[in-house]
Amino acid sequence: MADSGIPLHDFLGFEFVSPPDGSNVAEVRMPIRPEALGFTANLHGGAIATMVDLTCALAAAKFSGFDPSRESLVTADMHVRYVGRPRTDTVVARAEVLRKGSQLIVVDCKVTDTDGHLIATADFAMMLVPVRRPLEGMERD
């Protein structure tokens, strides 16, 4: 994967699948690597939640016509339900925008392995808010 500009996403090895223009879906793939494992050597829930957050944000940004020069997309609510463990060496998150209001965007996300076994489901909401500046002293290079 090319450098995404977000170190955590690069660390976890996220791969983006570009949806067609105007689509309300997004997809992100993640190889299961040692960096994504918890202390029991199973896929860490935080890695899955990070992938869900990114995938839902990509779907919301693409579908909403989000303009980063004047607004920010921020996670308003995320509920992840972990239901299984992967049987393959890659997991795939697929997010679909269910509803776009004037501020709130509701997204559904499913995480599966590459054989289609369900790993997690998520209910997700993002808000469009006025542009947010970086935290003081925290700008990225």
C-alpha atoms as a PDB file:
ATOM      1  CA  MET A   1       0.000   0.000   0.000  1.00  0.00           C
ATOM      2  CA  ALA A   2       1.187   3.526  -0.683  1.00  0.00           C
ATOM      3  CA  ASP A   3       1.787   5.899   2.214  1.00  0.00           C
ATOM      4  CA  SER A   4      -1.656   7.119   3.332  1.00  0.00           C
ATOM      5  CA  GLY A   5      -0.284   9.990   5.402  1.00  0.00           C
ATOM      6  CA  ILE A   6      -1.811   8.446   8.538  1.00  0.00           C
ATOM      7  CA  PRO A   7       0.817   6.426  10.417  1.00  0.00           C
ATOM      8  CA  LEU A   8      -1.676   4.117  12.178  1.00  0.00           C
ATOM      9  CA  HIS A   9      -3.288   3.139   8.866  1.00  0.00           C
ATOM     10  CA  ASP A  10       0.122   2.443   7.342  1.00  0.00           C
ATOM     11  CA  PHE A  11       1.195   0.477  10.439  1.00  0.00           C
ATOM     12  CA  LEU A  12      -1.858  -1.802  10.116  1.00  0.00           C
ATOM     13  CA  GLY A  13      -1.323  -2.205   6.354  1.00  0.00           C
ATOM     14  CA  PHE A  14      -4.714  -0.940   5.183  1.00  0.00           C
ATOM     15  CA  GLU A  15      -5.424  -1.271   1.474  1.00  0.00           C
ATOM     16  CA  PHE A  16      -8.144   0.925  -0.058  1.00  0.00           C
ATOM     17  CA  VAL A  17     -10.499  -0.311  -2.757  1.00  0.00           C
ATOM     18  CA  SER A  18     -11.793   2.645  -4.763  1.00  0.00           C
ATOM     19  CA  PRO A  19     -15.578   2.671  -5.150  1.00  0.00           C
ATOM     20  CA  PRO A  20     -17.178   4.065  -8.297  1.00  0.00           C
ATOM     21  CA  ASP A  21     -17.932   7.812  -8.294  1.00  0.00           C
ATOM     22  CA  GLY A  22     -21.228   8.606  -6.585  1.00  0.00           C
ATOM     23  CA  SER A  23     -21.223   5.254  -4.819  1.00  0.00           C
ATOM     24  CA  ASN A  24     -22.439   4.981  -1.232  1.00  0.00           C
ATOM     25  CA  VAL A  25     -19.999   2.160  -0.379  1.00  0.00           C
ATOM     26  CA  ALA A  26     -16.321   1.855   0.520  1.00  0.00           C
ATOM     27  CA  GLU A  27     -14.031  -1.092   1.117  1.00  0.00           C
ATOM     28  CA  VAL A  28     -10.772  -1.481   3.030  1.00  0.00           C
ATOM     29  CA  ARG A  29      -8.652  -4.622   3.295  1.00  0.00           C
ATOM     30  CA  MET A  30      -6.218  -5.419   6.099  1.00  0.00           C
ATOM     31  CA  PRO A  31      -3.661  -8.223   6.129  1.00  0.00           C
ATOM     32  CA  ILE A  32      -3.494 -10.004   9.461  1.00  0.00           C
ATOM     33  CA  ARG A  33       0.044  -9.223  10.578  1.00  0.00           C
ATOM     34  CA  PRO A  34       1.739  -9.390  14.003  1.00  0.00           C
ATOM     35  CA  GLU A  35       1.160  -5.639  14.446  1.00  0.00           C
ATOM     36  CA  ALA A  36      -2.618  -6.266  14.478  1.00  0.00           C
ATOM     37  CA  LEU A  37      -2.643  -9.048  17.077  1.00  0.00           C
ATOM     38  CA  GLY A  38      -3.544  -8.837  20.756  1.00  0.00           C
ATOM     39  CA  PHE A  39      -1.794 -10.612  23.620  1.00  0.00           C
ATOM     40  CA  THR A  40      -3.640 -13.869  22.824  1.00  0.00           C
ATOM     41  CA  ALA A  41      -2.235 -13.800  19.256  1.00  0.00           C
ATOM     42  CA  ASN A  42      -5.710 -13.163  17.838  1.00  0.00           C
ATOM     43  CA  LEU A  43      -6.794 -10.204  15.742  1.00  0.00           C
ATOM     44  CA  HIS A  44      -7.092  -7.197  18.086  1.00  0.00           C
ATOM     45  CA  GLY A  45     -10.522  -5.583  18.370  1.00  0.00           C
ATOM     46  CA  GLY A  46      -8.904  -2.153  18.221  1.00  0.00           C
ATOM     47  CA  ALA A  47      -7.433  -2.957  14.794  1.00  0.00           C
ATOM     48  CA  ILE A  48     -10.894  -4.000  13.593  1.00  0.00           C
ATOM     49  CA  ALA A  49     -12.484  -0.853  15.088  1.00  0.00           C
ATOM     50  CA  THR A  50      -9.866   1.349  13.402  1.00  0.00           C
ATOM     51  CA  MET A  51     -10.583  -0.338  10.081  1.00  0.00           C
ATOM     52  CA  VAL A  52     -14.347   0.151  10.591  1.00  0.00           C
ATOM     53  CA  ASP A  53     -13.817   3.841  11.420  1.00  0.00           C
ATOM     54  CA  LEU A  54     -11.743   4.420   8.276  1.00  0.00           C
ATOM     55  CA  THR A  55     -14.023   2.449   5.958  1.00  0.00           C
ATOM     56  CA  CYS A  56     -17.152   4.238   7.196  1.00  0.00           C
ATOM     57  CA  ALA A  57     -15.421   7.612   6.915  1.00  0.00           C
ATOM     58  CA  LEU A  58     -14.409   6.868   3.317  1.00  0.00           C
ATOM     59  CA  ALA A  59     -17.987   5.907   2.394  1.00  0.00           C
ATOM     60  CA  ALA A  60     -19.396   9.010   4.131  1.00  0.00           C
ATOM     61  CA  ALA A  61     -16.839  11.355   2.552  1.00  0.00           C
ATOM     62  CA  LYS A  62     -17.343   9.961  -0.935  1.00  0.00           C
ATOM     63  CA  PHE A  63     -21.141   9.930  -0.779  1.00  0.00           C
ATOM     64  CA  SER A  64     -21.639  13.281   0.980  1.00  0.00           C
ATOM     65  CA  GLY A  65     -19.481  15.407  -1.318  1.00  0.00           C
ATOM     66  CA  PHE A  66     -17.425  16.371   1.761  1.00  0.00           C
ATOM     67  CA  ASP A  67     -15.201  19.434   1.210  1.00  0.00           C
ATOM     68  CA  PRO A  68     -12.171  19.292   3.573  1.00  0.00           C
ATOM     69  CA  SER A  69     -11.380  22.962   2.951  1.00  0.00           C
ATOM     70  CA  ARG A  70     -14.565  24.027   4.776  1.00  0.00           C
ATOM     71  CA  GLU A  71     -15.736  21.089   6.892  1.00  0.00           C
ATOM     72  CA  SER A  72     -14.580  18.129   8.947  1.00  0.00           C
ATOM     73  CA  LEU A  73     -16.085  14.674   9.152  1.00  0.00           C
ATOM     74  CA  VAL A  74     -15.993  13.417  12.725  1.00  0.00           C
ATOM     75  CA  THR A  75     -17.131  10.148  14.232  1.00  0.00           C
ATOM     76  CA  ALA A  76     -20.276  10.778  16.274  1.00  0.00           C
ATOM     77  CA  ASP A  77     -21.074   7.205  17.287  1.00  0.00           C
ATOM     78  CA  MET A  78     -19.639   3.763  16.668  1.00  0.00           C
ATOM     79  CA  HIS A  79     -20.858   0.424  17.949  1.00  0.00           C
ATOM     80  CA  VAL A  80     -18.841  -2.607  16.889  1.00  0.00           C
ATOM     81  CA  ARG A  81     -20.177  -6.094  17.548  1.00  0.00           C
ATOM     82  CA  TYR A  82     -17.464  -8.774  17.337  1.00  0.00           C
ATOM     83  CA  VAL A  83     -19.030 -12.062  16.220  1.00  0.00           C
ATOM     84  CA  GLY A  84     -16.242 -14.281  14.895  1.00  0.00           C
ATOM     85  CA  ARG A  85     -12.606 -14.708  14.103  1.00  0.00           C
ATOM     86  CA  PRO A  86     -10.977 -14.750  10.703  1.00  0.00           C
ATOM     87  CA  ARG A  87     -10.069 -18.012   8.996  1.00  0.00           C
ATOM     88  CA  THR A  88      -7.964 -16.358   6.296  1.00  0.00           C
ATOM     89  CA  ASP A  89      -4.934 -14.050   6.411  1.00  0.00           C
ATOM     90  CA  THR A  90      -6.862 -10.930   5.324  1.00  0.00           C
ATOM     91  CA  VAL A  91     -10.013  -9.206   6.561  1.00  0.00           C
ATOM     92  CA  VAL A  92     -12.249  -6.908   4.529  1.00  0.00           C
ATOM     93  CA  ALA A  93     -14.480  -4.087   5.793  1.00  0.00           C
ATOM     94  CA  ARG A  94     -17.333  -2.951   3.553  1.00  0.00           C
ATOM     95  CA  ALA A  95     -19.281   0.137   4.569  1.00  0.00           C
ATOM     96  CA  GLU A  96     -22.515   1.436   3.073  1.00  0.00           C
ATOM     97  CA  VAL A  97     -24.137   4.820   3.726  1.00  0.00           C
ATOM     98  CA  LEU A  98     -27.711   4.208   4.821  1.00  0.00           C
ATOM     99  CA  ARG A  99     -28.806   7.815   5.250  1.00  0.00           C
ATOM    100  CA  LYS A 100     -27.318  11.267   4.782  1.00  0.00           C
ATOM    101  CA  GLY A 101     -28.917  14.144   6.613  1.00  0.00           C
ATOM    102  CA  SER A 102     -27.790  17.769   6.677  1.00  0.00           C
ATOM    103  CA  GLN A 103     -25.235  16.973   9.409  1.00  0.00           C
ATOM    104  CA  LEU A 104     -25.490  13.298  10.353  1.00  0.00           C
ATOM    105  CA  ILE A 105     -24.459  10.432   8.063  1.00  0.00           C
ATOM    106  CA  VAL A 106     -25.481   6.914   9.136  1.00  0.00           C
ATOM    107  CA  VAL A 107     -23.341   4.031   7.907  1.00  0.00           C
ATOM    108  CA  ASP A 108     -23.517   0.239   8.191  1.00  0.00           C
ATOM    109  CA  CYS A 109     -20.321  -1.822   8.097  1.00  0.00           C
ATOM    110  CA  LYS A 110     -19.538  -5.527   7.892  1.00  0.00           C
ATOM    111  CA  VAL A 111     -16.100  -7.065   8.411  1.00  0.00           C
ATOM    112  CA  THR A 112     -15.469 -10.505   6.914  1.00  0.00           C
ATOM    113  CA  ASP A 113     -12.494 -12.650   6.065  1.00  0.00           C
ATOM    114  CA  THR A 114     -11.797 -13.271   2.381  1.00  0.00           C
ATOM    115  CA  ASP A 115     -13.908 -16.457   2.491  1.00  0.00           C
ATOM    116  CA  GLY A 116     -16.914 -14.402   3.610  1.00  0.00           C
ATOM    117  CA  HIS A 117     -17.025 -15.469   7.271  1.00  0.00           C
ATOM    118  CA  LEU A 118     -18.478 -12.647   9.372  1.00  0.00           C
ATOM    119  CA  ILE A 119     -16.000 -11.159  11.872  1.00  0.00           C
ATOM    120  CA  ALA A 120     -17.789  -7.984  13.037  1.00  0.00           C
ATOM    121  CA  THR A 121     -20.709  -5.699  12.287  1.00  0.00           C
ATOM    122  CA  ALA A 122     -20.888  -2.006  13.098  1.00  0.00           C
ATOM    123  CA  ASP A 123     -23.474   0.739  13.390  1.00  0.00           C
ATOM    124  CA  PHE A 124     -21.731   4.030  12.700  1.00  0.00           C
ATOM    125  CA  ALA A 125     -22.559   7.731  12.439  1.00  0.00           C
ATOM    126  CA  MET A 126     -20.469  10.681  11.294  1.00  0.00           C
ATOM    127  CA  MET A 127     -21.157  14.389  11.567  1.00  0.00           C
ATOM    128  CA  LEU A 128     -20.265  17.139   9.132  1.00  0.00           C
ATOM    129  CA  VAL A 129     -18.995  20.070  11.211  1.00  0.00           C
ATOM    130  CA  PRO A 130     -17.113  23.287  10.421  1.00  0.00           C
ATOM    131  CA  VAL A 131     -13.456  22.642   9.634  1.00  0.00           C
ATOM    132  CA  ARG A 132     -11.393  21.686  12.678  1.00  0.00           C
ATOM    133  CA  ARG A 133      -7.829  22.848  12.991  1.00  0.00           C
ATOM    134  CA  PRO A 134      -5.116  20.425  14.229  1.00  0.00           C
ATOM    135  CA  LEU A 135      -4.399  20.341  17.940  1.00  0.00           C
ATOM    136  CA  GLU A 136      -1.745  22.893  18.788  1.00  0.00           C
ATOM    137  CA  GLY A 137       1.705  21.368  18.361  1.00  0.00           C
ATOM    138  CA  MET A 138       0.247  18.220  16.786  1.00  0.00           C
ATOM    139  CA  GLU A 139       0.460  19.056  13.088  1.00  0.00           C
ATOM    140  CA  ARG A 140       1.718  16.170  10.945  1.00  0.00           C
ATOM    141  CA  ASP A 141       4.740  16.608   8.717  1.00  0.00           C
END
